[in-house]
Amino acid sequence: MYLDEIRDYCLTKVGAYEDLPFGPGTLTMKVKAKIFVFIPLDSVECQFAIKGYPDRLVDLREQFEDIKSGPYLNPRHWVSVHCTGSVPDSLIRDCIDMSYELVVKGLTAQQRLELGR
């Protein structure tokens, strides 16, 4: 997948929007002001970071060379996915889904209700 496809997929999520809270070099995908995907725009290669369940992230890092601990983020809860073609598009979408669902799960009951969840 390419960054524009990742961005577009993120924006299909209910309540998702993009933001540049750290300046023009890092695009974030958010729901209710909570980040579920980081996309570095100033990187030479296509990559993005997602939140995940700690055990699942360990498994993903072991299975795929292009899924690594990301810089500046807690490696227990976040990984960086490098889009070199070795990670299947379906898994990339699953990872984005997992990140979104984790963030939504952490929202208040009122915020989830506003999202229809």
N, C-alpha and C. Protein backbone atom coordinates (compact mmCIF):
# COMPACT_ATOMS: atom_id res chain seq x y z
N MET A 1 0.84 -1.18 0.00
CA MET A 1 0.00 0.00 0.00
C MET A 1 0.88 1.24 0.00
N TYR A 2 0.36 2.29 -0.57
CA TYR A 2 1.05 3.58 -0.58
C TYR A 2 0.42 4.48 0.47
N LEU A 3 1.11 5.53 0.84
CA LEU A 3 0.62 6.43 1.88
C LEU A 3 -0.75 7.00 1.59
N ASP A 4 -1.01 7.34 0.34
CA ASP A 4 -2.34 7.89 0.02
C ASP A 4 -3.43 6.84 0.24
N GLU A 5 -3.13 5.57 -0.02
CA GLU A 5 -4.11 4.50 0.22
C GLU A 5 -4.31 4.29 1.72
N ILE A 6 -3.23 4.39 2.49
CA ILE A 6 -3.32 4.25 3.94
C ILE A 6 -4.15 5.39 4.51
N ARG A 7 -3.86 6.60 4.08
CA ARG A 7 -4.60 7.78 4.52
C ARG A 7 -6.08 7.63 4.19
N ASP A 8 -6.37 7.27 2.95
CA ASP A 8 -7.76 7.11 2.52
C ASP A 8 -8.48 6.03 3.33
N TYR A 9 -7.79 4.92 3.61
CA TYR A 9 -8.41 3.85 4.39
C TYR A 9 -8.71 4.34 5.81
N CYS A 10 -7.77 5.06 6.41
CA CYS A 10 -7.99 5.59 7.75
C CYS A 10 -9.22 6.49 7.79
N LEU A 11 -9.38 7.29 6.75
CA LEU A 11 -10.49 8.24 6.72
C LEU A 11 -11.85 7.58 6.50
N THR A 12 -11.88 6.28 6.20
CA THR A 12 -13.16 5.57 6.09
C THR A 12 -13.71 5.22 7.47
N LYS A 13 -12.89 5.34 8.49
CA LYS A 13 -13.32 5.01 9.85
C LYS A 13 -14.26 6.09 10.38
N VAL A 14 -15.29 5.68 11.09
CA VAL A 14 -16.27 6.62 11.64
C VAL A 14 -15.58 7.63 12.55
N GLY A 15 -15.77 8.91 12.25
CA GLY A 15 -15.22 9.98 13.08
C GLY A 15 -13.75 10.28 12.85
N ALA A 16 -13.11 9.58 11.92
CA ALA A 16 -11.67 9.78 11.69
C ALA A 16 -11.43 11.08 10.91
N TYR A 17 -10.32 11.72 11.27
CA TYR A 17 -9.89 12.93 10.56
C TYR A 17 -8.37 13.03 10.65
N GLU A 18 -7.80 13.87 9.80
CA GLU A 18 -6.36 14.04 9.81
C GLU A 18 -5.99 15.35 10.48
N ASP A 19 -4.75 15.37 11.02
CA ASP A 19 -4.28 16.55 11.73
C ASP A 19 -2.75 16.59 11.63
N LEU A 20 -2.20 17.78 11.81
CA LEU A 20 -0.75 17.96 11.80
C LEU A 20 -0.30 18.62 13.11
N PRO A 21 -0.54 17.97 14.26
CA PRO A 21 -0.24 18.60 15.55
C PRO A 21 1.24 18.80 15.84
N PHE A 22 2.10 18.07 15.15
CA PHE A 22 3.54 18.16 15.38
C PHE A 22 4.25 18.93 14.28
N GLY A 23 3.49 19.61 13.44
CA GLY A 23 4.06 20.35 12.33
C GLY A 23 3.86 19.61 11.02
N PRO A 24 4.39 20.17 9.93
CA PRO A 24 4.12 19.62 8.60
C PRO A 24 4.79 18.28 8.31
N GLY A 25 5.65 17.81 9.17
CA GLY A 25 6.38 16.57 8.90
C GLY A 25 5.68 15.30 9.34
N THR A 26 4.64 15.42 10.16
CA THR A 26 3.96 14.23 10.67
C THR A 26 2.45 14.39 10.60
N LEU A 27 1.85 13.57 9.76
CA LEU A 27 0.40 13.53 9.65
C LEU A 27 -0.12 12.53 10.68
N THR A 28 -1.16 12.91 11.39
CA THR A 28 -1.77 11.97 12.33
C THR A 28 -3.22 11.74 11.91
N MET A 29 -3.67 10.53 12.14
CA MET A 29 -5.06 10.18 11.91
C MET A 29 -5.67 10.03 13.30
N LYS A 30 -6.78 10.74 13.53
CA LYS A 30 -7.37 10.79 14.86
C LYS A 30 -8.85 10.46 14.83
N VAL A 31 -9.33 10.07 16.01
CA VAL A 31 -10.75 9.95 16.27
C VAL A 31 -10.95 10.56 17.65
N LYS A 32 -11.87 11.53 17.75
CA LYS A 32 -12.14 12.22 19.02
C LYS A 32 -10.84 12.72 19.67
N ALA A 33 -9.97 13.31 18.88
CA ALA A 33 -8.71 13.92 19.32
C ALA A 33 -7.67 12.91 19.81
N LYS A 34 -7.89 11.63 19.57
CA LYS A 34 -6.93 10.59 19.95
C LYS A 34 -6.30 10.01 18.69
N ILE A 35 -4.99 9.90 18.69
CA ILE A 35 -4.25 9.42 17.52
C ILE A 35 -4.33 7.90 17.42
N PHE A 36 -4.64 7.42 16.20
CA PHE A 36 -4.58 5.98 15.96
C PHE A 36 -3.56 5.61 14.89
N VAL A 37 -3.08 6.58 14.11
CA VAL A 37 -2.01 6.32 13.13
C VAL A 37 -1.14 7.57 13.01
N PHE A 38 0.18 7.35 13.02
CA PHE A 38 1.16 8.39 12.72
C PHE A 38 1.72 8.11 11.32
N ILE A 39 1.81 9.14 10.49
CA ILE A 39 2.41 8.98 9.16
C ILE A 39 3.48 10.06 9.00
N PRO A 40 4.77 9.67 9.04
CA PRO A 40 5.82 10.67 8.83
C PRO A 40 5.88 11.08 7.35
N LEU A 41 5.66 12.33 7.09
CA LEU A 41 5.65 12.82 5.70
C LEU A 41 7.04 13.16 5.19
N ASP A 42 7.97 13.34 6.10
CA ASP A 42 9.33 13.70 5.69
C ASP A 42 10.26 12.50 5.58
N SER A 43 9.71 11.30 5.67
CA SER A 43 10.51 10.08 5.56
C SER A 43 10.76 9.75 4.09
N VAL A 44 11.91 9.18 3.83
CA VAL A 44 12.27 8.79 2.46
C VAL A 44 11.41 7.61 2.00
N GLU A 45 11.12 6.71 2.91
CA GLU A 45 10.33 5.53 2.55
C GLU A 45 8.91 5.63 3.11
N CYS A 46 8.03 4.84 2.55
CA CYS A 46 6.65 4.78 3.01
C CYS A 46 6.62 4.00 4.32
N GLN A 47 6.15 4.66 5.37
CA GLN A 47 6.00 3.99 6.65
C GLN A 47 4.94 4.70 7.47
N PHE A 48 4.43 4.01 8.47
CA PHE A 48 3.46 4.59 9.37
C PHE A 48 3.50 3.82 10.68
N ALA A 49 2.96 4.39 11.74
CA ALA A 49 2.95 3.74 13.05
C ALA A 49 1.51 3.53 13.49
N ILE A 50 1.27 2.35 14.10
CA ILE A 50 -0.06 2.02 14.60
C ILE A 50 0.04 1.54 16.04
N LYS A 51 -1.06 1.67 16.74
CA LYS A 51 -1.18 1.19 18.10
C LYS A 51 -1.69 -0.25 18.04
N GLY A 52 -1.32 -1.07 19.02
CA GLY A 52 -1.81 -2.44 19.00
C GLY A 52 -1.75 -3.11 20.36
N TYR A 53 -2.32 -4.30 20.43
CA TYR A 53 -2.24 -5.10 21.63
C TYR A 53 -0.81 -5.59 21.78
N PRO A 54 -0.21 -5.45 22.97
CA PRO A 54 1.21 -5.81 23.13
C PRO A 54 1.59 -7.19 22.61
N ASP A 55 0.81 -8.23 22.92
CA ASP A 55 1.14 -9.58 22.46
C ASP A 55 1.07 -9.68 20.94
N ARG A 56 0.09 -9.04 20.36
CA ARG A 56 -0.06 -9.05 18.90
C ARG A 56 1.11 -8.35 18.23
N LEU A 57 1.55 -7.24 18.83
CA LEU A 57 2.68 -6.50 18.25
C LEU A 57 3.97 -7.32 18.30
N VAL A 58 4.17 -8.06 19.37
CA VAL A 58 5.35 -8.93 19.46
C VAL A 58 5.31 -9.94 18.32
N ASP A 59 4.15 -10.56 18.11
CA ASP A 59 4.01 -11.55 17.04
C ASP A 59 4.28 -10.93 15.66
N LEU A 60 3.74 -9.73 15.43
CA LEU A 60 3.94 -9.07 14.14
C LEU A 60 5.41 -8.74 13.90
N ARG A 61 6.11 -8.27 14.94
CA ARG A 61 7.54 -7.96 14.79
C ARG A 61 8.35 -9.22 14.50
N GLU A 62 7.93 -10.33 15.09
CA GLU A 62 8.64 -11.60 14.85
C GLU A 62 8.37 -12.15 13.46
N GLN A 63 7.17 -11.94 12.94
CA GLN A 63 6.78 -12.49 11.64
C GLN A 63 7.27 -11.65 10.45
N PHE A 64 7.37 -10.34 10.64
CA PHE A 64 7.67 -9.46 9.52
C PHE A 64 8.85 -8.55 9.83
N GLU A 65 9.85 -8.62 8.99
CA GLU A 65 11.03 -7.77 9.15
C GLU A 65 10.68 -6.29 9.03
N ASP A 66 9.64 -5.98 8.28
CA ASP A 66 9.27 -4.58 8.05
C ASP A 66 8.26 -4.03 9.07
N ILE A 67 8.03 -4.77 10.13
CA ILE A 67 7.25 -4.26 11.26
C ILE A 67 8.21 -4.20 12.44
N LYS A 68 8.46 -2.96 12.89
CA LYS A 68 9.51 -2.72 13.89
C LYS A 68 9.00 -1.79 14.98
N SER A 69 9.76 -1.73 16.06
CA SER A 69 9.48 -0.73 17.08
C SER A 69 9.74 0.62 16.46
N GLY A 70 8.83 1.55 16.67
CA GLY A 70 8.97 2.87 16.07
C GLY A 70 9.73 3.83 16.97
N PRO A 71 10.40 4.80 16.38
CA PRO A 71 11.09 5.79 17.20
C PRO A 71 10.08 6.70 17.91
N TYR A 72 10.43 7.11 19.12
CA TYR A 72 9.65 8.08 19.91
C TYR A 72 8.35 7.53 20.47
N LEU A 73 8.00 6.29 20.16
CA LEU A 73 6.75 5.72 20.63
C LEU A 73 7.03 4.51 21.53
N ASN A 74 6.16 4.27 22.49
CA ASN A 74 6.31 3.14 23.38
C ASN A 74 6.24 1.84 22.58
N PRO A 75 7.35 1.08 22.52
CA PRO A 75 7.38 -0.14 21.69
C PRO A 75 6.43 -1.24 22.18
N ARG A 76 5.96 -1.12 23.39
CA ARG A 76 5.00 -2.11 23.90
C ARG A 76 3.63 -1.91 23.24
N HIS A 77 3.31 -0.67 22.88
CA HIS A 77 1.98 -0.36 22.37
C HIS A 77 1.94 0.13 20.93
N TRP A 78 3.10 0.40 20.34
CA TRP A 78 3.15 0.96 18.98
C TRP A 78 4.20 0.24 18.15
N VAL A 79 3.93 0.09 16.85
CA VAL A 79 4.93 -0.41 15.91
C VAL A 79 4.94 0.48 14.68
N SER A 80 6.06 0.43 13.99
CA SER A 80 6.21 1.14 12.73
C SER A 80 6.16 0.09 11.62
N VAL A 81 5.33 0.35 10.63
CA VAL A 81 5.16 -0.57 9.50
C VAL A 81 5.80 0.09 8.28
N HIS A 82 6.77 -0.60 7.69
CA HIS A 82 7.46 -0.09 6.50
C HIS A 82 6.84 -0.75 5.27
N CYS A 83 6.39 0.07 4.35
CA CYS A 83 5.63 -0.41 3.19
C CYS A 83 6.57 -0.77 2.04
N THR A 84 7.21 -1.90 2.15
CA THR A 84 8.12 -2.36 1.10
C THR A 84 7.50 -3.44 0.23
N GLY A 85 6.29 -3.85 0.60
CA GLY A 85 5.61 -4.91 -0.15
C GLY A 85 5.63 -6.25 0.56
N SER A 86 6.43 -6.38 1.63
CA SER A 86 6.51 -7.66 2.32
C SER A 86 5.33 -7.87 3.29
N VAL A 87 4.71 -6.79 3.70
CA VAL A 87 3.54 -6.89 4.58
C VAL A 87 2.30 -6.81 3.69
N PRO A 88 1.47 -7.85 3.68
CA PRO A 88 0.30 -7.85 2.81
C PRO A 88 -0.64 -6.67 3.10
N ASP A 89 -1.26 -6.16 2.04
CA ASP A 89 -2.20 -5.04 2.19
C ASP A 89 -3.32 -5.38 3.17
N SER A 90 -3.78 -6.63 3.14
CA SER A 90 -4.86 -7.02 4.04
C SER A 90 -4.42 -6.93 5.50
N LEU A 91 -3.16 -7.25 5.77
CA LEU A 91 -2.64 -7.14 7.13
C LEU A 91 -2.47 -5.67 7.53
N ILE A 92 -2.06 -4.84 6.59
CA ILE A 92 -1.96 -3.40 6.87
C ILE A 92 -3.33 -2.86 7.27
N ARG A 93 -4.36 -3.23 6.53
CA ARG A 93 -5.72 -2.79 6.87
C ARG A 93 -6.13 -3.34 8.25
N ASP A 94 -5.81 -4.60 8.52
CA ASP A 94 -6.13 -5.19 9.83
C ASP A 94 -5.43 -4.43 10.96
N CYS A 95 -4.18 -4.04 10.73
CA CYS A 95 -3.43 -3.29 11.74
C CYS A 95 -4.06 -1.92 11.99
N ILE A 96 -4.47 -1.26 10.94
CA ILE A 96 -5.15 0.04 11.08
C ILE A 96 -6.47 -0.15 11.83
N ASP A 97 -7.20 -1.21 11.50
CA ASP A 97 -8.46 -1.52 12.20
C ASP A 97 -8.20 -1.73 13.69
N MET A 98 -7.15 -2.51 14.02
CA MET A 98 -6.82 -2.79 15.40
C MET A 98 -6.50 -1.49 16.14
N SER A 99 -5.72 -0.64 15.54
CA SER A 99 -5.33 0.62 16.16
C SER A 99 -6.55 1.49 16.41
N TYR A 100 -7.39 1.62 15.41
CA TYR A 100 -8.61 2.42 15.53
C TYR A 100 -9.50 1.87 16.65
N GLU A 101 -9.72 0.56 16.65
CA GLU A 101 -10.59 -0.07 17.65
C GLU A 101 -10.04 0.12 19.06
N LEU A 102 -8.73 0.02 19.22
CA LEU A 102 -8.12 0.23 20.53
C LEU A 102 -8.35 1.65 21.03
N VAL A 103 -8.20 2.61 20.14
CA VAL A 103 -8.40 4.00 20.53
C VAL A 103 -9.87 4.24 20.85
N VAL A 104 -10.77 3.74 20.04
CA VAL A 104 -12.21 3.91 20.30
C VAL A 104 -12.58 3.26 21.63
N LYS A 105 -12.02 2.09 21.89
CA LYS A 105 -12.29 1.38 23.14
C LYS A 105 -11.89 2.23 24.35
N GLY A 106 -10.87 3.05 24.21
CA GLY A 106 -10.39 3.89 25.30
C GLY A 106 -11.14 5.21 25.46
N LEU A 107 -12.07 5.48 24.56
CA LEU A 107 -12.84 6.72 24.66
C LEU A 107 -13.88 6.61 25.78
N THR A 108 -14.41 7.74 26.17
CA THR A 108 -15.47 7.72 27.17
C THR A 108 -16.73 7.13 26.55
N ALA A 109 -17.65 6.73 27.42
CA ALA A 109 -18.93 6.17 26.93
C ALA A 109 -19.66 7.20 26.08
N GLN A 110 -19.63 8.45 26.49
CA GLN A 110 -20.30 9.51 25.72
C GLN A 110 -19.67 9.66 24.34
N GLN A 111 -18.33 9.64 24.27
CA GLN A 111 -17.65 9.76 22.98
C GLN A 111 -17.98 8.58 22.07
N ARG A 112 -18.01 7.37 22.62
CA ARG A 112 -18.37 6.20 21.82
C ARG A 112 -19.80 6.31 21.31
N LEU A 113 -20.69 6.80 22.17
CA LEU A 113 -22.08 6.99 21.79
C LEU A 113 -22.18 7.98 20.63
N GLU A 114 -21.40 9.05 20.68
CA GLU A 114 -21.39 10.04 19.61
C GLU A 114 -20.93 9.42 18.28
N LEU A 115 -20.11 8.38 18.36
CA LEU A 115 -19.65 7.68 17.16
C LEU A 115 -20.63 6.58 16.74
N GLY A 116 -21.66 6.39 17.53
CA GLY A 116 -22.62 5.33 17.22
C GLY A 116 -22.12 3.96 17.61
N ARG A 117 -21.29 3.89 18.66
CA ARG A 117 -20.69 2.62 19.07
C ARG A 117 -21.05 2.26 20.48
